[in-house]
Amino acid sequence: MNVKKVACPTCGTLALFSQANPWRPFCTERCRLIDLGAWATESYAIPAKPGEDDLPENDSDPESR
């Protein structure tokens, strides 16, 4: 059976992408935690269009006064 290797998203090292690697797609637990920390500190973000809650309030709306 041919085991697939992928580049670790954190450091670029080739890592096994199989059940034998508990940190897949990362090469080590350290790289997995670095990635988790980046999400937790909002270093990464998913681009999105502003929603209604993100838009400035309309001054003509009597409820906003």
C-alpha atoms as a PDB file:
ATOM      1  CA  MET A   1       0.000   0.000   0.000  1.00  0.00           C
ATOM      2  CA  ASN A   2       1.283   3.443  -0.929  1.00  0.00           C
ATOM      3  CA  VAL A   3       1.126   5.968   1.932  1.00  0.00           C
ATOM      4  CA  LYS A   4       0.450   9.552   0.896  1.00  0.00           C
ATOM      5  CA  LYS A   5       2.815  12.265   2.107  1.00  0.00           C
ATOM      6  CA  VAL A   6       1.730  15.890   2.358  1.00  0.00           C
ATOM      7  CA  ALA A   7       3.560  19.084   3.247  1.00  0.00           C
ATOM      8  CA  CYS A   8       2.960  20.150   6.841  1.00  0.00           C
ATOM      9  CA  PRO A   9       0.906  23.395   6.706  1.00  0.00           C
ATOM     10  CA  THR A  10       3.083  24.923   9.439  1.00  0.00           C
ATOM     11  CA  CYS A  11       6.679  24.057   8.526  1.00  0.00           C
ATOM     12  CA  GLY A  12       6.503  22.390   5.108  1.00  0.00           C
ATOM     13  CA  THR A  13       8.103  19.104   6.184  1.00  0.00           C
ATOM     14  CA  LEU A  14       6.660  16.031   4.476  1.00  0.00           C
ATOM     15  CA  ALA A  15       4.280  14.233   6.821  1.00  0.00           C
ATOM     16  CA  LEU A  16       2.474  10.926   6.469  1.00  0.00           C
ATOM     17  CA  PHE A  17      -1.211  11.400   5.798  1.00  0.00           C
ATOM     18  CA  SER A  18      -2.434   8.205   7.411  1.00  0.00           C
ATOM     19  CA  GLN A  19      -3.953   6.965  10.646  1.00  0.00           C
ATOM     20  CA  ALA A  20      -0.400   6.220  11.819  1.00  0.00           C
ATOM     21  CA  ASN A  21       0.150   9.989  12.156  1.00  0.00           C
ATOM     22  CA  PRO A  22      -2.130  11.295  14.954  1.00  0.00           C
ATOM     23  CA  TRP A  23      -1.322  14.928  14.044  1.00  0.00           C
ATOM     24  CA  ARG A  24      -2.159  14.723  10.328  1.00  0.00           C
ATOM     25  CA  PRO A  25      -1.903  16.844   8.257  1.00  0.00           C
ATOM     26  CA  PHE A  26       0.810  18.246  10.540  1.00  0.00           C
ATOM     27  CA  CYS A  27       4.164  16.541  11.058  1.00  0.00           C
ATOM     28  CA  THR A  28       4.260  16.894  14.859  1.00  0.00           C
ATOM     29  CA  GLU A  29       2.118  17.937  17.782  1.00  0.00           C
ATOM     30  CA  ARG A  30       4.187  21.140  17.997  1.00  0.00           C
ATOM     31  CA  CYS A  31       3.178  22.190  14.460  1.00  0.00           C
ATOM     32  CA  ARG A  32      -0.458  21.353  15.233  1.00  0.00           C
ATOM     33  CA  LEU A  33      -0.361  23.547  18.350  1.00  0.00           C
ATOM     34  CA  ILE A  34       1.320  26.414  16.485  1.00  0.00           C
ATOM     35  CA  ASP A  35      -1.529  26.330  13.956  1.00  0.00           C
ATOM     36  CA  LEU A  36      -4.157  26.161  16.711  1.00  0.00           C
ATOM     37  CA  GLY A  37      -2.530  29.135  18.439  1.00  0.00           C
ATOM     38  CA  ALA A  38      -2.630  31.148  15.216  1.00  0.00           C
ATOM     39  CA  TRP A  39      -6.396  30.562  14.948  1.00  0.00           C
ATOM     40  CA  ALA A  40      -6.897  31.356  18.649  1.00  0.00           C
ATOM     41  CA  THR A  41      -5.066  34.687  18.374  1.00  0.00           C
ATOM     42  CA  GLU A  42      -6.925  35.508  15.154  1.00  0.00           C
ATOM     43  CA  SER A  43      -3.726  35.507  13.083  1.00  0.00           C
ATOM     44  CA  TYR A  44      -5.781  33.521  10.564  1.00  0.00           C
ATOM     45  CA  ALA A  45      -9.197  34.627   9.416  1.00  0.00           C
ATOM     46  CA  ILE A  46     -11.758  33.432   6.923  1.00  0.00           C
ATOM     47  CA  PRO A  47     -12.674  36.245   4.534  1.00  0.00           C
ATOM     48  CA  ALA A  48     -16.347  37.145   4.574  1.00  0.00           C
ATOM     49  CA  LYS A  49     -18.661  39.845   3.358  1.00  0.00           C
ATOM     50  CA  PRO A  50     -19.934  42.133   6.118  1.00  0.00           C
ATOM     51  CA  GLY A  51     -23.293  41.079   7.505  1.00  0.00           C
ATOM     52  CA  GLU A  52     -26.104  43.290   8.670  1.00  0.00           C
ATOM     53  CA  ASP A  53     -24.681  43.365  12.196  1.00  0.00           C
ATOM     54  CA  ASP A  54     -21.339  44.650  10.876  1.00  0.00           C
ATOM     55  CA  LEU A  55     -22.762  47.625   8.984  1.00  0.00           C
ATOM     56  CA  PRO A  56     -22.945  51.066  10.625  1.00  0.00           C
ATOM     57  CA  GLU A  57     -26.320  51.986  12.050  1.00  0.00           C
ATOM     58  CA  ASN A  58     -28.574  54.298  10.060  1.00  0.00           C
ATOM     59  CA  ASP A  59     -28.957  57.664  11.845  1.00  0.00           C
ATOM     60  CA  SER A  60     -32.499  58.090  10.516  1.00  0.00           C
ATOM     61  CA  ASP A  61     -33.677  54.984  12.374  1.00  0.00           C
ATOM     62  CA  PRO A  62     -35.590  56.199  15.482  1.00  0.00           C
ATOM     63  CA  GLU A  63     -34.669  53.068  17.435  1.00  0.00           C
ATOM     64  CA  SER A  64     -30.963  53.852  17.087  1.00  0.00           C
ATOM     65  CA  ARG A  65     -31.282  57.187  18.903  1.00  0.00           C
END
